[in-house]
Amino acid sequence: MEYLTHSLIDQSEALQIIQKLKAEKSSWQDGKKTAGSHAAKIKSNFQLDKNSKLSIELRDTIVNKIISNPLLKSFTLPSLIHGVMFSQSLAGDGYGTHIDNPYMPSGRSDLSFTLFLNEPTDYEGGELTIQTIHKTEKIKLSAGEMIIYPSTQLHSVAEVKDGERYVCVGWIQSYVQNNEDRNFLFGLDAGAKGLLAKHGRSDELDLIFQAYSNILRRLGD
């Protein structure tokens, strides 16, 4: 599994965040400030000052939502969630094809995520495009839904033609750096938990969980 989409917050929570972001008039900055020298040339949007009171409040909310979600924890095996930012894109804004920096001041980027905060009908364009070896995926999710994908993949944000696009973006440093190893562990964990829910605890299942834990020890940082 190259990426995962999941509903992180409900639509009412997403709407409350949007209302707070729109009411914050003085803390928006040029998004180029958070991009590398190459990426800054192809980036056009606004981002909430990461040191503002609202940014800190919302960042803590999103991080806590991620780490308390069993599915997301199993998929990402997070050791650090960092660089969380809130972005606003207006008509004419977009972000050309780029790859995220492997090491940032806040941590290593193994996985990238985008949490969509308003409905896709609120704006035209603005699709997140992810390039894989076999295909190109265009992503535009409902309010409250997020996508998590490997930071090793080229991606872009299509130009917003009309309306306003609000998202939360960030990065995850995983205990398991390799994507294939992490996907293997995710499948093993999902299968073991499925057996537990269907049949209950057993000595054989204990051995599977033991194997999972010891493989994680071997593969992890």
C-alpha atoms as a PDB file:
ATOM      1  CA  MET A   1       0.000   0.000   0.000  1.00  0.00           C
ATOM      2  CA  GLU A   2       1.687   3.190  -1.210  1.00  0.00           C
ATOM      3  CA  TYR A   3      -0.650   5.582   0.566  1.00  0.00           C
ATOM      4  CA  LEU A   4      -3.582   5.628   2.969  1.00  0.00           C
ATOM      5  CA  THR A   5      -6.676   7.836   3.041  1.00  0.00           C
ATOM      6  CA  HIS A   6      -8.657   8.115   6.249  1.00  0.00           C
ATOM      7  CA  SER A   7     -11.187  10.363   7.971  1.00  0.00           C
ATOM      8  CA  LEU A   8      -9.318  12.085  10.801  1.00  0.00           C
ATOM      9  CA  ILE A   9     -11.913  14.631  11.965  1.00  0.00           C
ATOM     10  CA  ASP A  10     -15.615  15.038  11.283  1.00  0.00           C
ATOM     11  CA  GLN A  11     -17.016  17.791   9.082  1.00  0.00           C
ATOM     12  CA  SER A  12     -18.140  19.926  12.033  1.00  0.00           C
ATOM     13  CA  GLU A  13     -14.603  19.895  13.467  1.00  0.00           C
ATOM     14  CA  ALA A  14     -13.177  20.803  10.068  1.00  0.00           C
ATOM     15  CA  LEU A  15     -15.674  23.678   9.778  1.00  0.00           C
ATOM     16  CA  GLN A  16     -14.661  25.015  13.190  1.00  0.00           C
ATOM     17  CA  ILE A  17     -11.002  25.015  12.101  1.00  0.00           C
ATOM     18  CA  ILE A  18     -11.889  26.826   8.865  1.00  0.00           C
ATOM     19  CA  GLN A  19     -13.796  29.491  10.789  1.00  0.00           C
ATOM     20  CA  LYS A  20     -10.821  30.058  13.084  1.00  0.00           C
ATOM     21  CA  LEU A  21      -8.412  30.250  10.141  1.00  0.00           C
ATOM     22  CA  LYS A  22     -10.572  32.755   8.274  1.00  0.00           C
ATOM     23  CA  ALA A  23     -10.873  34.913  11.391  1.00  0.00           C
ATOM     24  CA  GLU A  24      -7.083  35.026  11.747  1.00  0.00           C
ATOM     25  CA  LYS A  25      -6.173  37.999   9.584  1.00  0.00           C
ATOM     26  CA  SER A  26      -2.688  38.971  10.732  1.00  0.00           C
ATOM     27  CA  SER A  27      -0.787  35.658  10.981  1.00  0.00           C
ATOM     28  CA  TRP A  28      -0.736  34.500   7.350  1.00  0.00           C
ATOM     29  CA  GLN A  29       2.659  34.496   5.627  1.00  0.00           C
ATOM     30  CA  ASP A  30       3.992  33.856   2.150  1.00  0.00           C
ATOM     31  CA  GLY A  31       4.285  30.075   1.760  1.00  0.00           C
ATOM     32  CA  LYS A  32       7.642  30.437   0.024  1.00  0.00           C
ATOM     33  CA  LYS A  33       9.210  30.984   3.457  1.00  0.00           C
ATOM     34  CA  THR A  34       8.810  27.294   4.318  1.00  0.00           C
ATOM     35  CA  ALA A  35      10.077  25.919   1.003  1.00  0.00           C
ATOM     36  CA  GLY A  36      13.612  25.115  -0.082  1.00  0.00           C
ATOM     37  CA  SER A  37      15.370  27.357  -2.580  1.00  0.00           C
ATOM     38  CA  HIS A  38      14.331  25.218  -5.560  1.00  0.00           C
ATOM     39  CA  ALA A  39      10.747  24.546  -4.436  1.00  0.00           C
ATOM     40  CA  ALA A  40      10.152  28.202  -3.530  1.00  0.00           C
ATOM     41  CA  LYS A  41      10.287  29.083  -7.232  1.00  0.00           C
ATOM     42  CA  ILE A  42       7.213  26.952  -7.955  1.00  0.00           C
ATOM     43  CA  LYS A  43       5.223  27.508  -4.744  1.00  0.00           C
ATOM     44  CA  SER A  44       2.417  30.025  -4.322  1.00  0.00           C
ATOM     45  CA  ASN A  45       0.180  29.967  -1.252  1.00  0.00           C
ATOM     46  CA  PHE A  46      -0.172  31.347   2.250  1.00  0.00           C
ATOM     47  CA  GLN A  47       0.665  29.584   5.502  1.00  0.00           C
ATOM     48  CA  LEU A  48      -0.295  30.376   9.062  1.00  0.00           C
ATOM     49  CA  ASP A  49       2.644  31.601  11.144  1.00  0.00           C
ATOM     50  CA  LYS A  50       3.806  28.433  12.922  1.00  0.00           C
ATOM     51  CA  ASN A  51       4.518  30.423  16.076  1.00  0.00           C
ATOM     52  CA  SER A  52       1.081  32.016  16.310  1.00  0.00           C
ATOM     53  CA  LYS A  53      -1.210  31.025  19.172  1.00  0.00           C
ATOM     54  CA  LEU A  54      -3.806  29.615  16.782  1.00  0.00           C
ATOM     55  CA  SER A  55      -1.241  27.569  14.859  1.00  0.00           C
ATOM     56  CA  ILE A  56       0.070  25.977  18.048  1.00  0.00           C
ATOM     57  CA  GLU A  57      -3.464  25.225  19.252  1.00  0.00           C
ATOM     58  CA  LEU A  58      -4.569  23.619  15.988  1.00  0.00           C
ATOM     59  CA  ARG A  59      -1.267  21.790  15.513  1.00  0.00           C
ATOM     60  CA  ASP A  60      -1.587  20.123  18.918  1.00  0.00           C
ATOM     61  CA  THR A  61      -5.157  19.100  18.069  1.00  0.00           C
ATOM     62  CA  ILE A  62      -4.181  17.454  14.780  1.00  0.00           C
ATOM     63  CA  VAL A  63      -1.111  15.692  16.178  1.00  0.00           C
ATOM     64  CA  ASN A  64      -3.145  14.274  19.073  1.00  0.00           C
ATOM     65  CA  LYS A  65      -5.804  13.064  16.634  1.00  0.00           C
ATOM     66  CA  ILE A  66      -3.190  11.201  14.590  1.00  0.00           C
ATOM     67  CA  ILE A  67      -1.365   9.530  17.471  1.00  0.00           C
ATOM     68  CA  SER A  68      -4.640   8.426  19.093  1.00  0.00           C
ATOM     69  CA  ASN A  69      -5.903   6.756  15.894  1.00  0.00           C
ATOM     70  CA  PRO A  70      -5.031   3.014  15.910  1.00  0.00           C
ATOM     71  CA  LEU A  71      -5.131   2.628  12.121  1.00  0.00           C
ATOM     72  CA  LEU A  72      -2.882   5.623  11.473  1.00  0.00           C
ATOM     73  CA  LYS A  73      -0.448   4.538  14.190  1.00  0.00           C
ATOM     74  CA  SER A  74      -0.226   1.075  12.662  1.00  0.00           C
ATOM     75  CA  PHE A  75       0.326   2.466   9.153  1.00  0.00           C
ATOM     76  CA  THR A  76       2.899   5.114  10.076  1.00  0.00           C
ATOM     77  CA  LEU A  77       4.586   3.788  13.258  1.00  0.00           C
ATOM     78  CA  PRO A  78       5.267   7.408  14.234  1.00  0.00           C
ATOM     79  CA  SER A  79       8.223   8.367  16.367  1.00  0.00           C
ATOM     80  CA  LEU A  80       7.727  12.073  15.582  1.00  0.00           C
ATOM     81  CA  ILE A  81       5.022  14.124  13.878  1.00  0.00           C
ATOM     82  CA  HIS A  82       6.514  17.449  12.885  1.00  0.00           C
ATOM     83  CA  GLY A  83       6.403  20.507  10.636  1.00  0.00           C
ATOM     84  CA  VAL A  84       2.609  20.707  10.854  1.00  0.00           C
ATOM     85  CA  MET A  85       1.345  23.785   8.968  1.00  0.00           C
ATOM     86  CA  PHE A  86      -1.961  25.236   7.858  1.00  0.00           C
ATOM     87  CA  SER A  87      -2.168  26.461   4.263  1.00  0.00           C
ATOM     88  CA  GLN A  88      -4.521  28.682   2.319  1.00  0.00           C
ATOM     89  CA  SER A  89      -4.552  28.715  -1.481  1.00  0.00           C
ATOM     90  CA  LEU A  90      -6.485  31.342  -3.422  1.00  0.00           C
ATOM     91  CA  ALA A  91      -7.243  31.584  -7.129  1.00  0.00           C
ATOM     92  CA  GLY A  92      -3.967  31.385  -9.035  1.00  0.00           C
ATOM     93  CA  ASP A  93      -2.083  29.613  -6.231  1.00  0.00           C
ATOM     94  CA  GLY A  94      -0.487  26.184  -6.630  1.00  0.00           C
ATOM     95  CA  TYR A  95       2.682  24.208  -6.005  1.00  0.00           C
ATOM     96  CA  GLY A  96       4.676  22.689  -8.846  1.00  0.00           C
ATOM     97  CA  THR A  97       6.191  19.215  -8.880  1.00  0.00           C
ATOM     98  CA  HIS A  98       8.683  18.722  -6.063  1.00  0.00           C
ATOM     99  CA  ILE A  99       9.928  16.281  -3.465  1.00  0.00           C
ATOM    100  CA  ASP A 100      10.010  17.008   0.248  1.00  0.00           C
ATOM    101  CA  ASN A 101      13.365  17.513   1.936  1.00  0.00           C
ATOM    102  CA  PRO A 102      14.525  14.258   3.557  1.00  0.00           C
ATOM    103  CA  TYR A 103      15.800  16.053   6.655  1.00  0.00           C
ATOM    104  CA  MET A 104      14.137  19.156   8.031  1.00  0.00           C
ATOM    105  CA  PRO A 105      14.996  21.237  11.096  1.00  0.00           C
ATOM    106  CA  SER A 106      12.047  19.575  12.809  1.00  0.00           C
ATOM    107  CA  GLY A 107      12.880  15.969  11.872  1.00  0.00           C
ATOM    108  CA  ARG A 108      13.255  13.340   9.120  1.00  0.00           C
ATOM    109  CA  SER A 109      10.474  13.050   6.542  1.00  0.00           C
ATOM    110  CA  ASP A 110       9.513   9.423   5.967  1.00  0.00           C
ATOM    111  CA  LEU A 111       5.815  10.123   5.345  1.00  0.00           C
ATOM    112  CA  SER A 112       3.966  13.241   4.240  1.00  0.00           C
ATOM    113  CA  PHE A 113       0.329  14.005   4.941  1.00  0.00           C
ATOM    114  CA  THR A 114      -2.351  16.399   3.777  1.00  0.00           C
ATOM    115  CA  LEU A 115      -5.543  16.910   5.761  1.00  0.00           C
ATOM    116  CA  PHE A 116      -8.269  18.543   3.657  1.00  0.00           C
ATOM    117  CA  LEU A 117     -10.224  21.079   5.699  1.00  0.00           C
ATOM    118  CA  ASN A 118     -12.922  22.293   3.310  1.00  0.00           C
ATOM    119  CA  GLU A 119     -15.130  20.518   0.818  1.00  0.00           C
ATOM    120  CA  PRO A 120     -13.906  19.905  -2.743  1.00  0.00           C
ATOM    121  CA  THR A 121     -16.908  21.856  -4.031  1.00  0.00           C
ATOM    122  CA  ASP A 122     -15.583  24.989  -2.275  1.00  0.00           C
ATOM    123  CA  TYR A 123     -12.837  25.431  -4.863  1.00  0.00           C
ATOM    124  CA  GLU A 124     -11.999  24.500  -8.425  1.00  0.00           C
ATOM    125  CA  GLY A 125      -8.647  22.845  -9.065  1.00  0.00           C
ATOM    126  CA  GLY A 126      -6.231  22.383  -6.181  1.00  0.00           C
ATOM    127  CA  GLU A 127      -5.838  18.614  -6.559  1.00  0.00           C
ATOM    128  CA  LEU A 128      -2.886  16.989  -4.825  1.00  0.00           C
ATOM    129  CA  THR A 129      -1.073  14.970  -7.483  1.00  0.00           C
ATOM    130  CA  ILE A 130       1.190  12.102  -6.395  1.00  0.00           C
ATOM    131  CA  GLN A 131       3.493  10.425  -8.901  1.00  0.00           C
ATOM    132  CA  THR A 132       4.247   6.751  -8.337  1.00  0.00           C
ATOM    133  CA  ILE A 133       6.304   4.387 -10.460  1.00  0.00           C
ATOM    134  CA  HIS A 134       3.223   3.024 -12.208  1.00  0.00           C
ATOM    135  CA  LYS A 135       0.733   5.898 -12.274  1.00  0.00           C
ATOM    136  CA  THR A 136      -0.183   9.422 -11.279  1.00  0.00           C
ATOM    137  CA  GLU A 137      -2.887   9.885  -8.658  1.00  0.00           C
ATOM    138  CA  LYS A 138      -4.988  13.042  -8.318  1.00  0.00           C
ATOM    139  CA  ILE A 139      -6.378  13.479  -4.819  1.00  0.00           C
ATOM    140  CA  LYS A 140      -9.129  15.834  -3.680  1.00  0.00           C
ATOM    141  CA  LEU A 141     -10.797  14.594  -0.506  1.00  0.00           C
ATOM    142  CA  SER A 142     -13.778  15.673   1.565  1.00  0.00           C
ATOM    143  CA  ALA A 143     -13.405  17.943   4.585  1.00  0.00           C
ATOM    144  CA  GLY A 144     -11.811  16.070   7.487  1.00  0.00           C
ATOM    145  CA  GLU A 145     -10.191  13.370   5.343  1.00  0.00           C
ATOM    146  CA  MET A 146      -6.442  12.976   5.061  1.00  0.00           C
ATOM    147  CA  ILE A 147      -3.946  11.197   2.848  1.00  0.00           C
ATOM    148  CA  ILE A 148      -0.612   9.848   4.060  1.00  0.00           C
ATOM    149  CA  TYR A 149       2.008   8.922   1.474  1.00  0.00           C
ATOM    150  CA  PRO A 150       5.770   8.290   1.293  1.00  0.00           C
ATOM    151  CA  SER A 151       7.842  11.466   1.285  1.00  0.00           C
ATOM    152  CA  THR A 152      10.018   9.829  -1.382  1.00  0.00           C
ATOM    153  CA  GLN A 153       7.385  10.475  -4.065  1.00  0.00           C
ATOM    154  CA  LEU A 154       7.180  13.481  -6.361  1.00  0.00           C
ATOM    155  CA  HIS A 155       3.994  15.462  -5.851  1.00  0.00           C
ATOM    156  CA  SER A 156       2.358  18.772  -6.700  1.00  0.00           C
ATOM    157  CA  VAL A 157      -0.748  20.864  -6.053  1.00  0.00           C
ATOM    158  CA  ALA A 158      -2.723  21.943  -9.106  1.00  0.00           C
ATOM    159  CA  GLU A 159      -3.511  25.617  -9.546  1.00  0.00           C
ATOM    160  CA  VAL A 160      -6.649  26.758  -7.771  1.00  0.00           C
ATOM    161  CA  LYS A 161      -8.926  28.180 -10.441  1.00  0.00           C
ATOM    162  CA  ASP A 162     -11.637  29.558  -8.170  1.00  0.00           C
ATOM    163  CA  GLY A 163     -12.509  29.633  -4.467  1.00  0.00           C
ATOM    164  CA  GLU A 164     -10.264  28.959  -1.471  1.00  0.00           C
ATOM    165  CA  ARG A 165      -8.451  25.753  -0.519  1.00  0.00           C
ATOM    166  CA  TYR A 166      -7.565  25.081   3.127  1.00  0.00           C
ATOM    167  CA  VAL A 167      -5.400  22.145   4.191  1.00  0.00           C
ATOM    168  CA  CYS A 168      -3.148  21.037   7.014  1.00  0.00           C
ATOM    169  CA  VAL A 169       0.152  19.473   5.953  1.00  0.00           C
ATOM    170  CA  GLY A 170       2.934  17.830   7.912  1.00  0.00           C
ATOM    171  CA  TRP A 171       5.490  15.053   8.084  1.00  0.00           C
ATOM    172  CA  ILE A 172       6.032  11.873  10.052  1.00  0.00           C
ATOM    173  CA  GLN A 173       9.333  10.404  11.137  1.00  0.00           C
ATOM    174  CA  SER A 174       8.647   6.699  11.487  1.00  0.00           C
ATOM    175  CA  TYR A 175      10.305   4.092  13.690  1.00  0.00           C
ATOM    176  CA  VAL A 176      10.660   2.118  10.428  1.00  0.00           C
ATOM    177  CA  GLN A 177      12.215   4.227   7.693  1.00  0.00           C
ATOM    178  CA  ASN A 178      11.821   1.824   4.752  1.00  0.00           C
ATOM    179  CA  ASN A 179       8.404   1.967   3.034  1.00  0.00           C
ATOM    180  CA  GLU A 180       8.298  -1.718   2.093  1.00  0.00           C
ATOM    181  CA  ASP A 181       9.206  -2.825   5.622  1.00  0.00           C
ATOM    182  CA  ARG A 182       6.575  -0.522   7.083  1.00  0.00           C
ATOM    183  CA  ASN A 183       3.897  -1.822   4.693  1.00  0.00           C
ATOM    184  CA  PHE A 184       4.825  -5.405   5.575  1.00  0.00           C
ATOM    185  CA  LEU A 185       4.391  -4.673   9.273  1.00  0.00           C
ATOM    186  CA  PHE A 186       1.095  -2.876   8.620  1.00  0.00           C
ATOM    187  CA  GLY A 187      -0.304  -5.949   6.856  1.00  0.00           C
ATOM    188  CA  LEU A 188       0.921  -8.285   9.600  1.00  0.00           C
ATOM    189  CA  ASP A 189      -0.571  -6.098  12.314  1.00  0.00           C
ATOM    190  CA  ALA A 190      -3.913  -5.789  10.485  1.00  0.00           C
ATOM    191  CA  GLY A 191      -4.113  -9.547   9.980  1.00  0.00           C
ATOM    192  CA  ALA A 192      -3.286 -10.336  13.605  1.00  0.00           C
ATOM    193  CA  LYS A 193      -5.811  -7.819  14.926  1.00  0.00           C
ATOM    194  CA  GLY A 194      -8.444  -9.205  12.544  1.00  0.00           C
ATOM    195  CA  LEU A 195      -7.876 -12.715  13.870  1.00  0.00           C
ATOM    196  CA  LEU A 196      -8.058 -11.433  17.440  1.00  0.00           C
ATOM    197  CA  ALA A 197     -11.390  -9.714  16.779  1.00  0.00           C
ATOM    198  CA  LYS A 198     -12.826 -12.766  15.022  1.00  0.00           C
ATOM    199  CA  HIS A 199     -11.545 -15.634  17.158  1.00  0.00           C
ATOM    200  CA  GLY A 200     -10.259 -14.110  20.380  1.00  0.00           C
ATOM    201  CA  ARG A 201      -6.909 -14.644  22.025  1.00  0.00           C
ATOM    202  CA  SER A 202      -4.966 -17.877  21.421  1.00  0.00           C
ATOM    203  CA  ASP A 203      -1.458 -19.204  21.997  1.00  0.00           C
ATOM    204  CA  GLU A 204      -0.871 -19.164  18.242  1.00  0.00           C
ATOM    205  CA  LEU A 205      -1.939 -15.534  18.008  1.00  0.00           C
ATOM    206  CA  ASP A 206       0.414 -14.660  20.838  1.00  0.00           C
ATOM    207  CA  LEU A 207       3.230 -16.033  18.696  1.00  0.00           C
ATOM    208  CA  ILE A 208       2.181 -13.819  15.791  1.00  0.00           C
ATOM    209  CA  PHE A 209       2.171 -10.718  18.007  1.00  0.00           C
ATOM    210  CA  GLN A 210       5.535 -11.786  19.395  1.00  0.00           C
ATOM    211  CA  ALA A 211       6.916 -12.091  15.866  1.00  0.00           C
ATOM    212  CA  TYR A 212       5.510  -8.667  14.949  1.00  0.00           C
ATOM    213  CA  SER A 213       7.093  -7.024  17.985  1.00  0.00           C
ATOM    214  CA  ASN A 214      10.473  -8.625  17.405  1.00  0.00           C
ATOM    215  CA  ILE A 215      10.489  -7.790  13.684  1.00  0.00           C
ATOM    216  CA  LEU A 216       9.687  -4.182  14.616  1.00  0.00           C
ATOM    217  CA  ARG A 217      12.638  -4.209  17.017  1.00  0.00           C
ATOM    218  CA  ARG A 218      14.911  -5.458  14.250  1.00  0.00           C
ATOM    219  CA  LEU A 219      13.700  -3.063  11.543  1.00  0.00           C
ATOM    220  CA  GLY A 220      13.177   0.000  13.685  1.00  0.00           C
ATOM    221  CA  ASP A 221      15.578   2.851  14.328  1.00  0.00           C
END
